[in-house]
């Protein structure tokens, strides 16, 4: 069981901070478990608002996505949400290792990885330049669309 306490003003403040490249702070400067979970949900929503990264790499537009048959579109969306969850779990695992003092013995200060889910045997091969483009692409956040 996890209690939820959502503060609209806090959400608006977080979204504004993300949009404007500012620091994220709490209204009273204190972090509770509830506020940390709330922030996690807000950040999740911001990530989801970008859509699948694979769409951007493949040049798939929202119109093209809408024109897909419903079964294909549902499969892509399911994979997208699974990959987000996997990426969050990976970040959580690394953060836990930082908290437990185990990170430094296993990793360099910056870890780069790719989370990918797809049909077995149909992995996408990308060259180094394409991966570098993914790492350094800054996709602006679009709120309210």
Foldseek 3Di string as FASTA:
>chain_A
DDDEDDDPVLLVQLVVCQQVVHDRADPVRDDDPNVVVNVVVSVLVQVPQVPDPVCVLVVNDPVNLVPDPPVVNVVRVVQRVVQVVVVVVVVVVLVVCVVVVNNVVPDDPDDDDGRGDDDPPPDDDDDPVSVVCVVPDDDRGDPPD
